[in-house]
Amino acid sequence: VQGPVAGRRALCLAGAYTGDLLMRSGRGYQLSPGDLDEAMHALLALDYAQRDAGGAVGGEEAGFERVEIFRAGTLGGPPACG
């Protein structure tokens, strides 16, 4: 839950959860394309999603690298997160 790996895994798992929400069809909570746009904007601009349990930034990844980690989780699910 702490350190660079924890921050990257948390970001990837957030992507995995997002992927699950995107694949739902009519059951429960869903995301719209606009929600995904807002998430990408936040990933590019802010490092909050990549912080570990202690609040430390989990690595030195730039915005596009954060998007890449999130995308891996979105497309590959939890197994893609290590």
PDB file of N, CA and C in Angstrom:
ATOM      1  N   VAL A   1       0.801  -1.203   0.000  1.00  0.00           N
ATOM      2  CA  VAL A   1       0.000   0.000   0.000  1.00  0.00           C
ATOM      3  C   VAL A   1       0.841   1.263   0.000  1.00  0.00           C
ATOM      4  N   GLN A   2       2.167   1.094   0.058  1.00  0.00           N
ATOM      5  CA  GLN A   2       3.028   2.266   0.012  1.00  0.00           C
ATOM      6  C   GLN A   2       4.160   2.042  -0.976  1.00  0.00           C
ATOM      7  N   GLY A   3       4.659   3.141  -1.508  1.00  0.00           N
ATOM      8  CA  GLY A   3       5.770   3.091  -2.445  1.00  0.00           C
ATOM      9  C   GLY A   3       5.315   3.240  -3.882  1.00  0.00           C
ATOM     10  N   PRO A   4       6.281   3.358  -4.796  1.00  0.00           N
ATOM     11  CA  PRO A   4       5.979   3.600  -6.207  1.00  0.00           C
ATOM     12  C   PRO A   4       5.113   2.522  -6.843  1.00  0.00           C
ATOM     13  N   VAL A   5       5.367   1.262  -6.499  1.00  0.00           N
ATOM     14  CA  VAL A   5       4.588   0.177  -7.102  1.00  0.00           C
ATOM     15  C   VAL A   5       3.130   0.260  -6.659  1.00  0.00           C
ATOM     16  N   ALA A   6       2.903   0.594  -5.394  1.00  0.00           N
ATOM     17  CA  ALA A   6       1.533   0.695  -4.878  1.00  0.00           C
ATOM     18  C   ALA A   6       0.747   1.774  -5.612  1.00  0.00           C
ATOM     19  N   GLY A   7       1.372   2.907  -5.860  1.00  0.00           N
ATOM     20  CA  GLY A   7       0.693   3.983  -6.573  1.00  0.00           C
ATOM     21  C   GLY A   7       0.328   3.592  -7.990  1.00  0.00           C
ATOM     22  N   ARG A   8       1.242   2.925  -8.688  1.00  0.00           N
ATOM     23  CA  ARG A   8       0.964   2.484 -10.059  1.00  0.00           C
ATOM     24  C   ARG A   8      -0.134   1.425 -10.078  1.00  0.00           C
ATOM     25  N   ARG A   9      -0.090   0.498  -9.124  1.00  0.00           N
ATOM     26  CA  ARG A   9      -1.127  -0.541  -9.074  1.00  0.00           C
ATOM     27  C   ARG A   9      -2.491   0.058  -8.761  1.00  0.00           C
ATOM     28  N   ALA A  10      -2.530   1.033  -7.867  1.00  0.00           N
ATOM     29  CA  ALA A  10      -3.805   1.685  -7.551  1.00  0.00           C
ATOM     30  C   ALA A  10      -4.381   2.361  -8.787  1.00  0.00           C
ATOM     31  N   LEU A  11      -3.532   3.008  -9.548  1.00  0.00           N
ATOM     32  CA  LEU A  11      -3.964   3.667 -10.774  1.00  0.00           C
ATOM     33  C   LEU A  11      -4.467   2.647 -11.790  1.00  0.00           C
ATOM     34  N   CYS A  12      -3.752   1.551 -11.928  1.00  0.00           N
ATOM     35  CA  CYS A  12      -4.146   0.484 -12.845  1.00  0.00           C
ATOM     36  C   CYS A  12      -5.477  -0.139 -12.410  1.00  0.00           C
ATOM     37  N   LEU A  13      -5.635  -0.384 -11.109  1.00  0.00           N
ATOM     38  CA  LEU A  13      -6.882  -0.973 -10.611  1.00  0.00           C
ATOM     39  C   LEU A  13      -8.062  -0.020 -10.772  1.00  0.00           C
ATOM     40  N   ALA A  14      -7.804   1.273 -10.670  1.00  0.00           N
ATOM     41  CA  ALA A  14      -8.867   2.245 -10.959  1.00  0.00           C
ATOM     42  C   ALA A  14      -9.300   2.111 -12.415  1.00  0.00           C
ATOM     43  N   GLY A  15      -8.335   1.885 -13.298  1.00  0.00           N
ATOM     44  CA  GLY A  15      -8.661   1.641 -14.698  1.00  0.00           C
ATOM     45  C   GLY A  15      -9.445   0.355 -14.880  1.00  0.00           C
ATOM     46  N   ALA A  16      -9.087  -0.690 -14.127  1.00  0.00           N
ATOM     47  CA  ALA A  16      -9.806  -1.962 -14.217  1.00  0.00           C
ATOM     48  C   ALA A  16     -11.264  -1.791 -13.796  1.00  0.00           C
ATOM     49  N   TYR A  17     -11.484  -1.039 -12.736  1.00  0.00           N
ATOM     50  CA  TYR A  17     -12.856  -0.776 -12.290  1.00  0.00           C
ATOM     51  C   TYR A  17     -13.609   0.035 -13.342  1.00  0.00           C
ATOM     52  N   THR A  18     -12.934   1.001 -13.929  1.00  0.00           N
ATOM     53  CA  THR A  18     -13.546   1.799 -14.983  1.00  0.00           C
ATOM     54  C   THR A  18     -13.930   0.920 -16.162  1.00  0.00           C
ATOM     55  N   GLY A  19     -13.039   0.000 -16.537  1.00  0.00           N
ATOM     56  CA  GLY A  19     -13.338  -0.921 -17.629  1.00  0.00           C
ATOM     57  C   GLY A  19     -14.574  -1.750 -17.343  1.00  0.00           C
ATOM     58  N   ASP A  20     -14.714  -2.201 -16.098  1.00  0.00           N
ATOM     59  CA  ASP A  20     -15.896  -2.969 -15.715  1.00  0.00           C
ATOM     60  C   ASP A  20     -17.155  -2.119 -15.856  1.00  0.00           C
ATOM     61  N   LEU A  21     -17.081  -0.882 -15.415  1.00  0.00           N
ATOM     62  CA  LEU A  21     -18.243   0.006 -15.528  1.00  0.00           C
ATOM     63  C   LEU A  21     -18.601   0.290 -16.984  1.00  0.00           C
ATOM     64  N   LEU A  22     -17.596   0.417 -17.831  1.00  0.00           N
ATOM     65  CA  LEU A  22     -17.855   0.694 -19.246  1.00  0.00           C
ATOM     66  C   LEU A  22     -18.519  -0.485 -19.946  1.00  0.00           C
ATOM     67  N   MET A  23     -18.252  -1.705 -19.477  1.00  0.00           N
ATOM     68  CA  MET A  23     -18.792  -2.899 -20.122  1.00  0.00           C
ATOM     69  C   MET A  23     -20.199  -3.256 -19.640  1.00  0.00           C
ATOM     70  N   ARG A  24     -20.659  -2.640 -18.576  1.00  0.00           N
ATOM     71  CA  ARG A  24     -21.998  -2.936 -18.059  1.00  0.00           C
ATOM     72  C   ARG A  24     -23.044  -2.429 -19.045  1.00  0.00           C
ATOM     73  N   SER A  25     -24.085  -3.202 -19.193  1.00  0.00           N
ATOM     74  CA  SER A  25     -25.161  -2.762 -20.088  1.00  0.00           C
ATOM     75  C   SER A  25     -26.485  -2.785 -19.327  1.00  0.00           C
ATOM     76  N   GLY A  26     -26.862  -1.630 -18.827  1.00  0.00           N
ATOM     77  CA  GLY A  26     -28.151  -1.483 -18.195  1.00  0.00           C
ATOM     78  C   GLY A  26     -28.279  -2.025 -16.788  1.00  0.00           C
ATOM     79  N   ARG A  27     -27.196  -2.424 -16.163  1.00  0.00           N
ATOM     80  CA  ARG A  27     -27.305  -2.947 -14.799  1.00  0.00           C
ATOM     81  C   ARG A  27     -26.479  -2.082 -13.854  1.00  0.00           C
ATOM     82  N   GLY A  28     -27.148  -1.374 -13.016  1.00  0.00           N
ATOM     83  CA  GLY A  28     -26.460  -0.575 -12.012  1.00  0.00           C
ATOM     84  C   GLY A  28     -25.781   0.664 -12.567  1.00  0.00           C
ATOM     85  N   TYR A  29     -24.758   1.074 -11.863  1.00  0.00           N
ATOM     86  CA  TYR A  29     -24.011   2.294 -12.177  1.00  0.00           C
ATOM     87  C   TYR A  29     -23.221   2.124 -13.462  1.00  0.00           C
ATOM     88  N   GLN A  30     -23.253   3.146 -14.322  1.00  0.00           N
ATOM     89  CA  GLN A  30     -22.507   3.129 -15.580  1.00  0.00           C
ATOM     90  C   GLN A  30     -21.775   4.451 -15.765  1.00  0.00           C
ATOM     91  N   LEU A  31     -20.842   4.458 -16.700  1.00  0.00           N
ATOM     92  CA  LEU A  31     -20.118   5.671 -17.069  1.00  0.00           C
ATOM     93  C   LEU A  31     -20.535   6.110 -18.461  1.00  0.00           C
ATOM     94  N   SER A  32     -20.499   7.406 -18.674  1.00  0.00           N
ATOM     95  CA  SER A  32     -20.757   7.948 -20.005  1.00  0.00           C
ATOM     96  C   SER A  32     -19.415   8.300 -20.646  1.00  0.00           C
ATOM     97  N   PRO A  33     -19.398   8.497 -21.970  1.00  0.00           N
ATOM     98  CA  PRO A  33     -18.146   8.927 -22.605  1.00  0.00           C
ATOM     99  C   PRO A  33     -17.602  10.222 -22.001  1.00  0.00           C
ATOM    100  N   GLY A  34     -18.478  11.119 -21.580  1.00  0.00           N
ATOM    101  CA  GLY A  34     -18.036  12.360 -20.947  1.00  0.00           C
ATOM    102  C   GLY A  34     -17.313  12.116 -19.638  1.00  0.00           C
ATOM    103  N   ASP A  35     -17.760  11.096 -18.894  1.00  0.00           N
ATOM    104  CA  ASP A  35     -17.076  10.741 -17.647  1.00  0.00           C
ATOM    105  C   ASP A  35     -15.645  10.305 -17.931  1.00  0.00           C
ATOM    106  N   LEU A  36     -15.468   9.530 -18.990  1.00  0.00           N
ATOM    107  CA  LEU A  36     -14.130   9.065 -19.351  1.00  0.00           C
ATOM    108  C   LEU A  36     -13.253  10.234 -19.798  1.00  0.00           C
ATOM    109  N   ASP A  37     -13.822  11.179 -20.516  1.00  0.00           N
ATOM    110  CA  ASP A  37     -13.075  12.382 -20.905  1.00  0.00           C
ATOM    111  C   ASP A  37     -12.581  13.142 -19.676  1.00  0.00           C
ATOM    112  N   GLU A  38     -13.455  13.282 -18.685  1.00  0.00           N
ATOM    113  CA  GLU A  38     -13.069  13.978 -17.457  1.00  0.00           C
ATOM    114  C   GLU A  38     -11.965  13.225 -16.719  1.00  0.00           C
ATOM    115  N   ALA A  39     -12.038  11.902 -16.717  1.00  0.00           N
ATOM    116  CA  ALA A  39     -10.996  11.100 -16.066  1.00  0.00           C
ATOM    117  C   ALA A  39      -9.654  11.309 -16.755  1.00  0.00           C
ATOM    118  N   MET A  40      -9.643  11.335 -18.090  1.00  0.00           N
ATOM    119  CA  MET A  40      -8.393  11.534 -18.824  1.00  0.00           C
ATOM    120  C   MET A  40      -7.821  12.913 -18.521  1.00  0.00           C
ATOM    121  N   HIS A  41      -8.676  13.904 -18.447  1.00  0.00           N
ATOM    122  CA  HIS A  41      -8.216  15.259 -18.121  1.00  0.00           C
ATOM    123  C   HIS A  41      -7.553  15.273 -16.748  1.00  0.00           C
ATOM    124  N   ALA A  42      -8.177  14.622 -15.773  1.00  0.00           N
ATOM    125  CA  ALA A  42      -7.611  14.575 -14.421  1.00  0.00           C
ATOM    126  C   ALA A  42      -6.284  13.823 -14.401  1.00  0.00           C
ATOM    127  N   LEU A  43      -6.188  12.724 -15.139  1.00  0.00           N
ATOM    128  CA  LEU A  43      -4.937  11.962 -15.174  1.00  0.00           C
ATOM    129  C   LEU A  43      -3.805  12.767 -15.801  1.00  0.00           C
ATOM    130  N   LEU A  44      -4.128  13.559 -16.800  1.00  0.00           N
ATOM    131  CA  LEU A  44      -3.103  14.373 -17.451  1.00  0.00           C
ATOM    132  C   LEU A  44      -2.644  15.528 -16.566  1.00  0.00           C
ATOM    133  N   ALA A  45      -3.566  16.086 -15.801  1.00  0.00           N
ATOM    134  CA  ALA A  45      -3.263  17.299 -15.047  1.00  0.00           C
ATOM    135  C   ALA A  45      -2.814  17.059 -13.611  1.00  0.00           C
ATOM    136  N   LEU A  46      -3.277  15.982 -12.987  1.00  0.00           N
ATOM    137  CA  LEU A  46      -3.068  15.782 -11.550  1.00  0.00           C
ATOM    138  C   LEU A  46      -2.431  14.427 -11.251  1.00  0.00           C
ATOM    139  N   ASP A  47      -1.698  14.349 -10.151  1.00  0.00           N
ATOM    140  CA  ASP A  47      -1.080  13.072  -9.778  1.00  0.00           C
ATOM    141  C   ASP A  47      -1.796  12.378  -8.617  1.00  0.00           C
ATOM    142  N   TYR A  48      -2.960  12.877  -8.211  1.00  0.00           N
ATOM    143  CA  TYR A  48      -3.660  12.318  -7.050  1.00  0.00           C
ATOM    144  C   TYR A  48      -3.966  10.830  -7.209  1.00  0.00           C
ATOM    145  N   ALA A  49      -4.349  10.416  -8.395  1.00  0.00           N
ATOM    146  CA  ALA A  49      -4.736   9.018  -8.613  1.00  0.00           C
ATOM    147  C   ALA A  49      -3.575   8.058  -8.427  1.00  0.00           C
ATOM    148  N   GLN A  50      -2.365   8.568  -8.462  1.00  0.00           N
ATOM    149  CA  GLN A  50      -1.184   7.713  -8.393  1.00  0.00           C
ATOM    150  C   GLN A  50      -0.521   7.745  -7.022  1.00  0.00           C
ATOM    151  N   ARG A  51      -1.168   8.322  -6.045  1.00  0.00           N
ATOM    152  CA  ARG A  51      -0.568   8.395  -4.706  1.00  0.00           C
ATOM    153  C   ARG A  51      -0.815   7.110  -3.939  1.00  0.00           C
ATOM    154  N   ASP A  52       0.128   6.768  -3.072  1.00  0.00           N
ATOM    155  CA  ASP A  52      -0.036   5.570  -2.252  1.00  0.00           C
ATOM    156  C   ASP A  52      -0.850   5.900  -1.004  1.00  0.00           C
ATOM    157  N   ALA A  53      -1.000   4.920  -0.109  1.00  0.00           N
ATOM    158  CA  ALA A  53      -1.825   5.100   1.088  1.00  0.00           C
ATOM    159  C   ALA A  53      -1.297   6.205   1.995  1.00  0.00           C
ATOM    160  N   GLY A  54      -0.010   6.479   1.940  1.00  0.00           N
ATOM    161  CA  GLY A  54       0.581   7.536   2.749  1.00  0.00           C
ATOM    162  C   GLY A  54       0.542   8.899   2.095  1.00  0.00           C
ATOM    163  N   GLY A  55       0.030   8.981   0.866  1.00  0.00           N
ATOM    164  CA  GLY A  55      -0.065  10.249   0.165  1.00  0.00           C
ATOM    165  C   GLY A  55       1.124  10.575  -0.715  1.00  0.00           C
ATOM    166  N   ALA A  56       2.130   9.687  -0.734  1.00  0.00           N
ATOM    167  CA  ALA A  56       3.307   9.920  -1.571  1.00  0.00           C
ATOM    168  C   ALA A  56       2.993   9.567  -3.022  1.00  0.00           C
ATOM    169  N   VAL A  57       3.546  10.341  -3.930  1.00  0.00           N
ATOM    170  CA  VAL A  57       3.360  10.066  -5.351  1.00  0.00           C
ATOM    171  C   VAL A  57       4.079   8.774  -5.688  1.00  0.00           C
ATOM    172  N   GLY A  58       3.388   7.890  -6.401  1.00  0.00           N
ATOM    173  CA  GLY A  58       3.931   6.569  -6.718  1.00  0.00           C
ATOM    174  C   GLY A  58       4.777   6.557  -7.959  1.00  0.00           C
ATOM    175  N   GLY A  59       5.832   7.298  -8.013  1.00  0.00           N
ATOM    176  CA  GLY A  59       6.714   7.319  -9.174  1.00  0.00           C
ATOM    177  C   GLY A  59       6.755   8.698  -9.800  1.00  0.00           C
ATOM    178  N   GLU A  60       7.499   8.806 -10.861  1.00  0.00           N
ATOM    179  CA  GLU A  60       7.689  10.099 -11.518  1.00  0.00           C
ATOM    180  C   GLU A  60       7.004  10.146 -12.875  1.00  0.00           C
ATOM    181  N   GLU A  61       5.958   9.361 -13.057  1.00  0.00           N
ATOM    182  CA  GLU A  61       5.293   9.311 -14.345  1.00  0.00           C
ATOM    183  C   GLU A  61       4.621  10.641 -14.676  1.00  0.00           C
ATOM    184  N   ALA A  62       4.737  11.022 -15.936  1.00  0.00           N
ATOM    185  CA  ALA A  62       4.056  12.214 -16.431  1.00  0.00           C
ATOM    186  C   ALA A  62       2.615  11.844 -16.774  1.00  0.00           C
ATOM    187  N   GLY A  63       1.824  12.837 -17.154  1.00  0.00           N
ATOM    188  CA  GLY A  63       0.410  12.622 -17.433  1.00  0.00           C
ATOM    189  C   GLY A  63       0.116  11.513 -18.416  1.00  0.00           C
ATOM    190  N   PHE A  64       0.838  11.481 -19.541  1.00  0.00           N
ATOM    191  CA  PHE A  64       0.561  10.455 -20.543  1.00  0.00           C
ATOM    192  C   PHE A  64       0.948   9.063 -20.043  1.00  0.00           C
ATOM    193  N   GLU A  65       1.963   8.973 -19.201  1.00  0.00           N
ATOM    194  CA  GLU A  65       2.319   7.679 -18.612  1.00  0.00           C
ATOM    195  C   GLU A  65       1.243   7.222 -17.635  1.00  0.00           C
ATOM    196  N   ARG A  66       0.647   8.161 -16.888  1.00  0.00           N
ATOM    197  CA  ARG A  66      -0.468   7.810 -16.005  1.00  0.00           C
ATOM    198  C   ARG A  66      -1.643   7.295 -16.822  1.00  0.00           C
ATOM    199  N   VAL A  67      -1.924   7.941 -17.951  1.00  0.00           N
ATOM    200  CA  VAL A  67      -3.008   7.484 -18.827  1.00  0.00           C
ATOM    201  C   VAL A  67      -2.707   6.075 -19.328  1.00  0.00           C
ATOM    202  N   GLU A  68      -1.464   5.798 -19.672  1.00  0.00           N
ATOM    203  CA  GLU A  68      -1.081   4.469 -20.162  1.00  0.00           C
ATOM    204  C   GLU A  68      -1.302   3.395 -19.096  1.00  0.00           C
ATOM    205  N   ILE A  69      -0.942   3.685 -17.852  1.00  0.00           N
ATOM    206  CA  ILE A  69      -1.144   2.737 -16.752  1.00  0.00           C
ATOM    207  C   ILE A  69      -2.636   2.507 -16.532  1.00  0.00           C
ATOM    208  N   PHE A  70      -3.417   3.578 -16.520  1.00  0.00           N
ATOM    209  CA  PHE A  70      -4.866   3.495 -16.354  1.00  0.00           C
ATOM    210  C   PHE A  70      -5.485   2.690 -17.496  1.00  0.00           C
ATOM    211  N   ARG A  71      -5.031   2.941 -18.706  1.00  0.00           N
ATOM    212  CA  ARG A  71      -5.548   2.247 -19.893  1.00  0.00           C
ATOM    213  C   ARG A  71      -5.265   0.751 -19.824  1.00  0.00           C
ATOM    214  N   ALA A  72      -4.078   0.388 -19.346  1.00  0.00           N
ATOM    215  CA  ALA A  72      -3.751  -1.037 -19.215  1.00  0.00           C
ATOM    216  C   ALA A  72      -4.759  -1.732 -18.310  1.00  0.00           C
ATOM    217  N   GLY A  73      -5.122  -1.096 -17.215  1.00  0.00           N
ATOM    218  CA  GLY A  73      -6.122  -1.666 -16.324  1.00  0.00           C
ATOM    219  C   GLY A  73      -7.501  -1.692 -16.947  1.00  0.00           C
ATOM    220  N   THR A  74      -7.848  -0.638 -17.683  1.00  0.00           N
ATOM    221  CA  THR A  74      -9.162  -0.567 -18.319  1.00  0.00           C
ATOM    222  C   THR A  74      -9.339  -1.695 -19.324  1.00  0.00           C
ATOM    223  N   LEU A  75      -8.326  -1.953 -20.117  1.00  0.00           N
ATOM    224  CA  LEU A  75      -8.427  -2.972 -21.159  1.00  0.00           C
ATOM    225  C   LEU A  75      -8.121  -4.379 -20.661  1.00  0.00           C
ATOM    226  N   GLY A  76      -7.220  -4.503 -19.678  1.00  0.00           N
ATOM    227  CA  GLY A  76      -6.784  -5.827 -19.241  1.00  0.00           C
ATOM    228  C   GLY A  76      -7.366  -6.308 -17.931  1.00  0.00           C
ATOM    229  N   GLY A  77      -8.083  -5.436 -17.230  1.00  0.00           N
ATOM    230  CA  GLY A  77      -8.652  -5.825 -15.945  1.00  0.00           C
ATOM    231  C   GLY A  77      -7.585  -5.990 -14.876  1.00  0.00           C
ATOM    232  N   PRO A  78      -7.970  -6.479 -13.702  1.00  0.00           N
ATOM    233  CA  PRO A  78      -7.022  -6.634 -12.595  1.00  0.00           C
ATOM    234  C   PRO A  78      -5.764  -7.447 -12.920  1.00  0.00           C
ATOM    235  N   PRO A  79      -5.840  -8.490 -13.779  1.00  0.00           N
ATOM    236  CA  PRO A  79      -4.604  -9.222 -14.078  1.00  0.00           C
ATOM    237  C   PRO A  79      -3.506  -8.353 -14.707  1.00  0.00           C
ATOM    238  N   ALA A  80      -3.888  -7.283 -15.393  1.00  0.00           N
ATOM    239  CA  ALA A  80      -2.905  -6.396 -16.024  1.00  0.00           C
ATOM    240  C   ALA A  80      -2.164  -5.538 -15.010  1.00  0.00           C
ATOM    241  N   CYS A  81      -2.638  -5.535 -13.774  1.00  0.00           N
ATOM    242  CA  CYS A  81      -2.079  -4.647 -12.755  1.00  0.00           C
ATOM    243  C   CYS A  81      -1.009  -5.309 -11.896  1.00  0.00           C
ATOM    244  N   GLY A  82      -0.685  -6.541 -12.173  1.00  0.00           N
ATOM    245  CA  GLY A  82       0.375  -7.216 -11.432  1.00  0.00           C
ATOM    246  C   GLY A  82      -0.110  -7.839 -10.224  1.00  0.00           C
TER     247      GLY A  82
END
